[in-house]
Every structure is written in C-alpha cells, then in structure tokens.
PDB file of N, CA and C in Angstrom:
ATOM      1  N   MET A   1     162.239 304.062 108.075  1.00  0.00           N
ATOM      2  CA  MET A   1     163.545 303.497 107.871  1.00  0.00           C
ATOM      3  C   MET A   1     163.485 302.550 106.665  1.00  0.00           C
ATOM      4  N   ALA A   2     164.269 302.840 105.649  1.00  0.00           N
ATOM      5  CA  ALA A   2     164.284 302.048 104.424  1.00  0.00           C
ATOM      6  C   ALA A   2     165.194 300.836 104.574  1.00  0.00           C
ATOM      7  N   LEU A   3     164.886 299.803 103.823  1.00  0.00           N
ATOM      8  CA  LEU A   3     165.723 298.610 103.811  1.00  0.00           C
ATOM      9  C   LEU A   3     166.913 298.825 102.885  1.00  0.00           C
ATOM     10  N   THR A   4     168.070 298.366 103.307  1.00  0.00           N
ATOM     11  CA  THR A   4     169.253 298.419 102.454  1.00  0.00           C
ATOM     12  C   THR A   4     169.331 297.128 101.649  1.00  0.00           C
ATOM     13  N   ASN A   5     170.223 297.106 100.668  1.00  0.00           N
ATOM     14  CA  ASN A   5     170.445 295.885  99.892  1.00  0.00           C
ATOM     15  C   ASN A   5     170.885 294.744 100.802  1.00  0.00           C
ATOM     16  N   ASN A   6     171.687 295.071 101.815  1.00  0.00           N
ATOM     17  CA  ASN A   6     172.135 294.042 102.759  1.00  0.00           C
ATOM     18  C   ASN A   6     170.950 293.443 103.508  1.00  0.00           C
ATOM     19  N   ASP A   7     170.011 294.286 103.927  1.00  0.00           N
ATOM     20  CA  ASP A   7     168.826 293.797 104.637  1.00  0.00           C
ATOM     21  C   ASP A   7     167.998 292.872 103.745  1.00  0.00           C
ATOM     22  N   ILE A   8     167.809 293.277 102.499  1.00  0.00           N
ATOM     23  CA  ILE A   8     167.035 292.473 101.550  1.00  0.00           C
ATOM     24  C   ILE A   8     167.718 291.129 101.323  1.00  0.00           C
ATOM     25  N   PHE A   9     169.034 291.164 101.127  1.00  0.00           N
ATOM     26  CA  PHE A   9     169.805 289.945 100.896  1.00  0.00           C
ATOM     27  C   PHE A   9     169.700 289.002 102.105  1.00  0.00           C
ATOM     28  N   LYS A  10     169.822 289.557 103.306  1.00  0.00           N
ATOM     29  CA  LYS A  10     169.711 288.743 104.524  1.00  0.00           C
ATOM     30  C   LYS A  10     168.330 288.116 104.648  1.00  0.00           C
ATOM     31  N   LYS A  11     167.289 288.881 104.347  1.00  0.00           N
ATOM     32  CA  LYS A  11     165.926 288.369 104.454  1.00  0.00           C
ATOM     33  C   LYS A  11     165.660 287.266 103.441  1.00  0.00           C
ATOM     34  N   LEU A  12     166.188 287.419 102.226  1.00  0.00           N
ATOM     35  CA  LEU A  12     166.035 286.374 101.213  1.00  0.00           C
ATOM     36  C   LEU A  12     166.792 285.109 101.614  1.00  0.00           C
ATOM     37  N   ARG A  13     167.949 285.299 102.200  1.00  0.00           N
ATOM     38  CA  ARG A  13     168.750 284.154 102.648  1.00  0.00           C
ATOM     39  C   ARG A  13     167.988 283.347 103.697  1.00  0.00           C
ATOM     40  N   VAL A  14     167.389 284.029 104.652  1.00  0.00           N
ATOM     41  CA  VAL A  14     166.650 283.348 105.712  1.00  0.00           C
ATOM     42  C   VAL A  14     165.366 282.728 105.157  1.00  0.00           C
ATOM     43  N   ALA A  15     164.644 283.463 104.321  1.00  0.00           N
ATOM     44  CA  ALA A  15     163.365 282.983 103.789  1.00  0.00           C
ATOM     45  C   ALA A  15     163.534 281.714 102.960  1.00  0.00           C
ATOM     46  N   HIS A  16     164.624 281.632 102.214  1.00  0.00           N
ATOM     47  CA  HIS A  16     164.861 280.460 101.358  1.00  0.00           C
ATOM     48  C   HIS A  16     165.792 279.432 102.001  1.00  0.00           C
ATOM     49  N   LYS A  17     166.189 279.684 103.249  1.00  0.00           N
ATOM     50  CA  LYS A  17     167.053 278.770 104.006  1.00  0.00           C
ATOM     51  C   LYS A  17     168.327 278.439 103.223  1.00  0.00           C
ATOM     52  N   LEU A  18     169.009 279.481 102.751  1.00  0.00           N
ATOM     53  CA  LEU A  18     170.207 279.310 101.940  1.00  0.00           C
ATOM     54  C   LEU A  18     171.465 279.381 102.787  1.00  0.00           C
ATOM     55  N   ARG A  19     172.413 278.535 102.463  1.00  0.00           N
ATOM     56  CA  ARG A  19     173.734 278.572 103.092  1.00  0.00           C
ATOM     57  C   ARG A  19     174.692 279.269 102.138  1.00  0.00           C
ATOM     58  N   ASP A  20     175.890 279.527 102.597  1.00  0.00           N
ATOM     59  CA  ASP A  20     176.873 280.209 101.752  1.00  0.00           C
ATOM     60  C   ASP A  20     177.149 279.422 100.476  1.00  0.00           C
ATOM     61  N   ASP A  21     177.269 278.094 100.584  1.00  0.00           N
ATOM     62  CA  ASP A  21     177.509 277.267  99.397  1.00  0.00           C
ATOM     63  C   ASP A  21     176.372 277.404  98.383  1.00  0.00           C
ATOM     64  N   ASP A  22     175.139 277.454  98.879  1.00  0.00           N
ATOM     65  CA  ASP A  22     173.982 277.607  98.000  1.00  0.00           C
ATOM     66  C   ASP A  22     174.038 278.942  97.258  1.00  0.00           C
ATOM     67  N   ILE A  23     174.394 279.994  97.968  1.00  0.00           N
ATOM     68  CA  ILE A  23     174.455 281.328  97.360  1.00  0.00           C
ATOM     69  C   ILE A  23     175.557 281.379  96.305  1.00  0.00           C
ATOM     70  N   VAL A  24     176.696 280.755  96.582  1.00  0.00           N
ATOM     71  CA  VAL A  24     177.789 280.716  95.603  1.00  0.00           C
ATOM     72  C   VAL A  24     177.324 279.995  94.335  1.00  0.00           C
ATOM     73  N   GLN A  25     176.602 278.893  94.494  1.00  0.00           N
ATOM     74  CA  GLN A  25     176.100 278.138  93.340  1.00  0.00           C
ATOM     75  C   GLN A  25     175.033 278.919  92.582  1.00  0.00           C
ATOM     76  N   ILE A  26     174.177 279.620  93.297  1.00  0.00           N
ATOM     77  CA  ILE A  26     173.135 280.422  92.653  1.00  0.00           C
ATOM     78  C   ILE A  26     173.762 281.543  91.829  1.00  0.00           C
ATOM     79  N   CYS A  27     174.767 282.190  92.364  1.00  0.00           N
ATOM     80  CA  CYS A  27     175.449 283.258  91.626  1.00  0.00           C
ATOM     81  C   CYS A  27     176.181 282.696  90.405  1.00  0.00           C
ATOM     82  N   ALA A  28     176.673 281.471  90.516  1.00  0.00           N
ATOM     83  CA  ALA A  28     177.375 280.842  89.386  1.00  0.00           C
ATOM     84  C   ALA A  28     176.420 280.575  88.228  1.00  0.00           C
ATOM     85  N   LEU A  29     175.126 280.445  88.492  1.00  0.00           N
ATOM     86  CA  LEU A  29     174.151 280.214  87.425  1.00  0.00           C
ATOM     87  C   LEU A  29     174.088 281.367  86.438  1.00  0.00           C
ATOM     88  N   VAL A  30     174.455 282.557  86.887  1.00  0.00           N
ATOM     89  CA  VAL A  30     174.461 283.732  86.006  1.00  0.00           C
ATOM     90  C   VAL A  30     175.893 284.214  85.757  1.00  0.00           C
ATOM     91  N   ASP A  31     176.856 283.304  85.927  1.00  0.00           N
ATOM     92  CA  ASP A  31     178.279 283.598  85.699  1.00  0.00           C
ATOM     93  C   ASP A  31     178.774 284.769  86.540  1.00  0.00           C
ATOM     94  N   PHE A  32     178.331 284.818  87.772  1.00  0.00           N
ATOM     95  CA  PHE A  32     178.772 285.840  88.717  1.00  0.00           C
ATOM     96  C   PHE A  32     179.522 285.127  89.825  1.00  0.00           C
ATOM     97  N   LYS A  33     180.827 285.380  89.919  1.00  0.00           N
ATOM     98  CA  LYS A  33     181.651 284.693  90.900  1.00  0.00           C
ATOM     99  C   LYS A  33     181.677 285.461  92.212  1.00  0.00           C
ATOM    100  N   VAL A  34     181.437 284.733  93.277  1.00  0.00           N
ATOM    101  CA  VAL A  34     181.442 285.309  94.616  1.00  0.00           C
ATOM    102  C   VAL A  34     182.081 284.286  95.552  1.00  0.00           C
ATOM    103  N   THR A  35     182.793 284.770  96.546  1.00  0.00           N
ATOM    104  CA  THR A  35     183.440 283.873  97.499  1.00  0.00           C
ATOM    105  C   THR A  35     182.690 283.899  98.833  1.00  0.00           C
ATOM    106  N   LYS A  36     182.962 282.894  99.640  1.00  0.00           N
ATOM    107  CA  LYS A  36     182.339 282.831 100.960  1.00  0.00           C
ATOM    108  C   LYS A  36     182.780 283.994 101.841  1.00  0.00           C
ATOM    109  N   SER A  37     184.019 284.439 101.680  1.00  0.00           N
ATOM    110  CA  SER A  37     184.490 285.566 102.498  1.00  0.00           C
ATOM    111  C   SER A  37     183.769 286.860 102.122  1.00  0.00           C
ATOM    112  N   GLU A  38     183.443 287.034 100.840  1.00  0.00           N
ATOM    113  CA  GLU A  38     182.672 288.210 100.429  1.00  0.00           C
ATOM    114  C   GLU A  38     181.275 288.160 101.044  1.00  0.00           C
ATOM    115  N   LEU A  39     180.693 286.973 101.053  1.00  0.00           N
ATOM    116  CA  LEU A  39     179.364 286.824 101.655  1.00  0.00           C
ATOM    117  C   LEU A  39     179.414 287.109 103.148  1.00  0.00           C
ATOM    118  N   GLY A  40     180.465 286.631 103.807  1.00  0.00           N
ATOM    119  CA  GLY A  40     180.612 286.886 105.240  1.00  0.00           C
ATOM    120  C   GLY A  40     180.683 288.366 105.546  1.00  0.00           C
ATOM    121  N   ALA A  41     181.363 289.122 104.692  1.00  0.00           N
ATOM    122  CA  ALA A  41     181.469 290.564 104.900  1.00  0.00           C
ATOM    123  C   ALA A  41     180.128 291.257 104.691  1.00  0.00           C
ATOM    124  N   ILE A  42     179.334 290.758 103.764  1.00  0.00           N
ATOM    125  CA  ILE A  42     178.025 291.355 103.495  1.00  0.00           C
ATOM    126  C   ILE A  42     177.050 291.067 104.635  1.00  0.00           C
ATOM    127  N   PHE A  43     177.134 289.880 105.218  1.00  0.00           N
ATOM    128  CA  PHE A  43     176.187 289.492 106.259  1.00  0.00           C
ATOM    129  C   PHE A  43     176.592 289.943 107.664  1.00  0.00           C
ATOM    130  N   ARG A  44     177.698 290.644 107.808  1.00  0.00           N
ATOM    131  CA  ARG A  44     178.114 291.167 109.120  1.00  0.00           C
ATOM    132  C   ARG A  44     177.203 292.314 109.539  1.00  0.00           C
ATOM    133  N   SER A  45     177.277 292.676 110.811  1.00  0.00           N
ATOM    134  CA  SER A  45     176.489 293.828 111.267  1.00  0.00           C
ATOM    135  C   SER A  45     177.151 295.119 110.765  1.00  0.00           C
ATOM    136  N   GLU A  46     176.356 296.162 110.660  1.00  0.00           N
ATOM    137  CA  GLU A  46     176.826 297.414 110.068  1.00  0.00           C
ATOM    138  C   GLU A  46     177.955 298.070 110.850  1.00  0.00           C
ATOM    139  N   ASN A  47     178.049 297.820 112.138  1.00  0.00           N
ATOM    140  CA  ASN A  47     179.100 298.473 112.926  1.00  0.00           C
ATOM    141  C   ASN A  47     180.367 297.625 113.027  1.00  0.00           C
ATOM    142  N   HIS A  48     180.432 296.520 112.329  1.00  0.00           N
ATOM    143  CA  HIS A  48     181.639 295.685 112.311  1.00  0.00           C
ATOM    144  C   HIS A  48     182.665 296.337 111.381  1.00  0.00           C
ATOM    145  N   PRO A  49     183.954 296.296 111.738  1.00  0.00           N
ATOM    146  CA  PRO A  49     184.966 296.958 110.896  1.00  0.00           C
ATOM    147  C   PRO A  49     185.109 296.373 109.488  1.00  0.00           C
ATOM    148  N   LYS A  50     184.775 295.103 109.298  1.00  0.00           N
ATOM    149  CA  LYS A  50     184.927 294.488 107.967  1.00  0.00           C
ATOM    150  C   LYS A  50     183.597 294.354 107.232  1.00  0.00           C
ATOM    151  N   TYR A  51     182.616 295.122 107.644  1.00  0.00           N
ATOM    152  CA  TYR A  51     181.309 295.150 106.983  1.00  0.00           C
ATOM    153  C   TYR A  51     181.462 295.720 105.570  1.00  0.00           C
ATOM    154  N   VAL A  52     180.781 295.090 104.603  1.00  0.00           N
ATOM    155  CA  VAL A  52     180.792 295.570 103.219  1.00  0.00           C
ATOM    156  C   VAL A  52     179.351 295.788 102.786  1.00  0.00           C
ATOM    157  N   GLU A  53     179.118 296.913 102.141  1.00  0.00           N
ATOM    158  CA  GLU A  53     177.783 297.216 101.645  1.00  0.00           C
ATOM    159  C   GLU A  53     177.507 296.396 100.390  1.00  0.00           C
ATOM    160  N   CYS A  54     176.324 295.820 100.319  1.00  0.00           N
ATOM    161  CA  CYS A  54     175.920 295.025  99.155  1.00  0.00           C
ATOM    162  C   CYS A  54     175.500 295.989  98.045  1.00  0.00           C
ATOM    163  N   GLY A  55     176.175 295.915  96.929  1.00  0.00           N
ATOM    164  CA  GLY A  55     175.881 296.814  95.821  1.00  0.00           C
ATOM    165  C   GLY A  55     174.682 296.357  95.013  1.00  0.00           C
ATOM    166  N   ASP A  56     174.195 297.251  94.177  1.00  0.00           N
ATOM    167  CA  ASP A  56     173.047 296.941  93.328  1.00  0.00           C
ATOM    168  C   ASP A  56     173.357 295.796  92.366  1.00  0.00           C
ATOM    169  N   GLN A  57     174.553 295.810  91.772  1.00  0.00           N
ATOM    170  CA  GLN A  57     174.927 294.769  90.818  1.00  0.00           C
ATOM    171  C   GLN A  57     174.976 293.403  91.497  1.00  0.00           C
ATOM    172  N   PHE A  58     175.512 293.357  92.705  1.00  0.00           N
ATOM    173  CA  PHE A  58     175.605 292.098  93.443  1.00  0.00           C
ATOM    174  C   PHE A  58     174.208 291.537  93.707  1.00  0.00           C
ATOM    175  N   LEU A  59     173.308 292.376  94.211  1.00  0.00           N
ATOM    176  CA  LEU A  59     171.950 291.933  94.513  1.00  0.00           C
ATOM    177  C   LEU A  59     171.208 291.544  93.238  1.00  0.00           C
ATOM    178  N   ARG A  60     171.377 292.319  92.168  1.00  0.00           N
ATOM    179  CA  ARG A  60     170.716 292.015  90.893  1.00  0.00           C
ATOM    180  C   ARG A  60     171.143 290.655  90.359  1.00  0.00           C
ATOM    181  N   ASN A  61     172.453 290.378  90.395  1.00  0.00           N
ATOM    182  CA  ASN A  61     172.935 289.087  89.912  1.00  0.00           C
ATOM    183  C   ASN A  61     172.433 287.937  90.784  1.00  0.00           C
ATOM    184  N   PHE A  62     172.393 288.150  92.090  1.00  0.00           N
ATOM    185  CA  PHE A  62     171.863 287.115  92.978  1.00  0.00           C
ATOM    186  C   PHE A  62     170.393 286.849  92.672  1.00  0.00           C
ATOM    187  N   LEU A  63     169.605 287.900  92.489  1.00  0.00           N
ATOM    188  CA  LEU A  63     168.174 287.722  92.206  1.00  0.00           C
ATOM    189  C   LEU A  63     167.951 287.009  90.883  1.00  0.00           C
ATOM    190  N   ASN A  64     168.733 287.348  89.866  1.00  0.00           N
ATOM    191  CA  ASN A  64     168.620 286.653  88.580  1.00  0.00           C
ATOM    192  C   ASN A  64     168.987 285.181  88.720  1.00  0.00           C
ATOM    193  N   GLY A  65     170.014 284.886  89.489  1.00  0.00           N
ATOM    194  CA  GLY A  65     170.387 283.499  89.744  1.00  0.00           C
ATOM    195  C   GLY A  65     169.331 282.770  90.552  1.00  0.00           C
ATOM    196  N   LEU A  66     168.717 283.452  91.507  1.00  0.00           N
ATOM    197  CA  LEU A  66     167.673 282.842  92.329  1.00  0.00           C
ATOM    198  C   LEU A  66     166.460 282.472  91.474  1.00  0.00           C
ATOM    199  N   ILE A  67     166.132 283.311  90.516  1.00  0.00           N
ATOM    200  CA  ILE A  67     165.024 283.016  89.600  1.00  0.00           C
ATOM    201  C   ILE A  67     165.321 281.738  88.830  1.00  0.00           C
ATOM    202  N   ILE A  68     166.535 281.620  88.299  1.00  0.00           N
ATOM    203  CA  ILE A  68     166.909 280.408  87.562  1.00  0.00           C
ATOM    204  C   ILE A  68     166.906 279.206  88.496  1.00  0.00           C
ATOM    205  N   HIS A  69     167.389 279.391  89.709  1.00  0.00           N
ATOM    206  CA  HIS A  69     167.436 278.302  90.691  1.00  0.00           C
ATOM    207  C   HIS A  69     166.036 277.792  91.024  1.00  0.00           C
ATOM    208  N   LEU A  70     165.080 278.690  91.175  1.00  0.00           N
ATOM    209  CA  LEU A  70     163.731 278.304  91.579  1.00  0.00           C
ATOM    210  C   LEU A  70     162.853 277.865  90.407  1.00  0.00           C
ATOM    211  N   ARG A  71     162.953 278.535  89.274  1.00  0.00           N
ATOM    212  CA  ARG A  71     162.087 278.248  88.132  1.00  0.00           C
ATOM    213  C   ARG A  71     162.721 277.360  87.080  1.00  0.00           C
ATOM    214  N   GLY A  72     164.033 277.383  87.024  1.00  0.00           N
ATOM    215  CA  GLY A  72     164.733 276.699  85.945  1.00  0.00           C
ATOM    216  C   GLY A  72     165.069 277.701  84.863  1.00  0.00           C
ATOM    217  N   PRO A  73     165.912 277.287  83.911  1.00  0.00           N
ATOM    218  CA  PRO A  73     166.310 278.233  82.858  1.00  0.00           C
ATOM    219  C   PRO A  73     165.125 278.620  81.980  1.00  0.00           C
ATOM    220  N   MET A  74     165.199 279.822  81.448  1.00  0.00           N
ATOM    221  CA  MET A  74     164.148 280.330  80.606  1.00  0.00           C
ATOM    222  C   MET A  74     164.145 279.588  79.265  1.00  0.00           C
ATOM    223  N   PRO A  75     162.992 279.155  78.781  1.00  0.00           N
ATOM    224  CA  PRO A  75     162.964 278.442  77.496  1.00  0.00           C
ATOM    225  C   PRO A  75     163.330 279.377  76.344  1.00  0.00           C
ATOM    226  N   GLU A  76     163.950 278.795  75.334  1.00  0.00           N
ATOM    227  CA  GLU A  76     164.374 279.601  74.181  1.00  0.00           C
ATOM    228  C   GLU A  76     163.165 280.020  73.374  1.00  0.00           C
ATOM    229  N   LYS A  77     163.212 281.267  72.898  1.00  0.00           N
ATOM    230  CA  LYS A  77     162.112 281.778  72.063  1.00  0.00           C
ATOM    231  C   LYS A  77     162.353 281.369  70.624  1.00  0.00           C
ATOM    232  N   LYS A  78     161.261 281.103  69.929  1.00  0.00           N
ATOM    233  CA  LYS A  78     161.361 280.682  68.526  1.00  0.00           C
ATOM    234  C   LYS A  78     161.228 281.853  67.601  1.00  0.00           C
TER     235      LYS A  78
END
C-alpha cells in the first residue's frame, strides 16, 4: 500500500508538531496562499464527503516552505 500525498502531509504535520496557523505561514514563505478550510479538507478522512486530495503542487510548495522555515532562506550566490 503506497502513501498518498495526504498521508505524507499528515505525517509531516505530526512529526513537526505543526498547527494550521503554522502551515499557513510556512506556505506564505513561498508565496503560496492556503486557507485553514483548505487544510481541514485535506486532513479529513478519505471517506468524508468533503475530503480533498492533496495535489503534487500543494505538497511541493509546502515542502519548499518547510525547508525555508527550518533552515532559513537560501544565501544569494555571487
């Protein structure tokens, strides 16, 4: 059984002890706007009627923001 993007996102959220506000701020670091209601739909169980599948772009932007959040911005190259 393979992990879905939603599973990966949920595991990262728990591992880093992130709240919805934290995730919104992390996504803002890469100019990706997300609302708490969108996050709620992603974190619902798969059989819930308002469940939304986490897309590749959404997860990619979150991961890029998480890198900046944890490491800081990348230094400029000369």
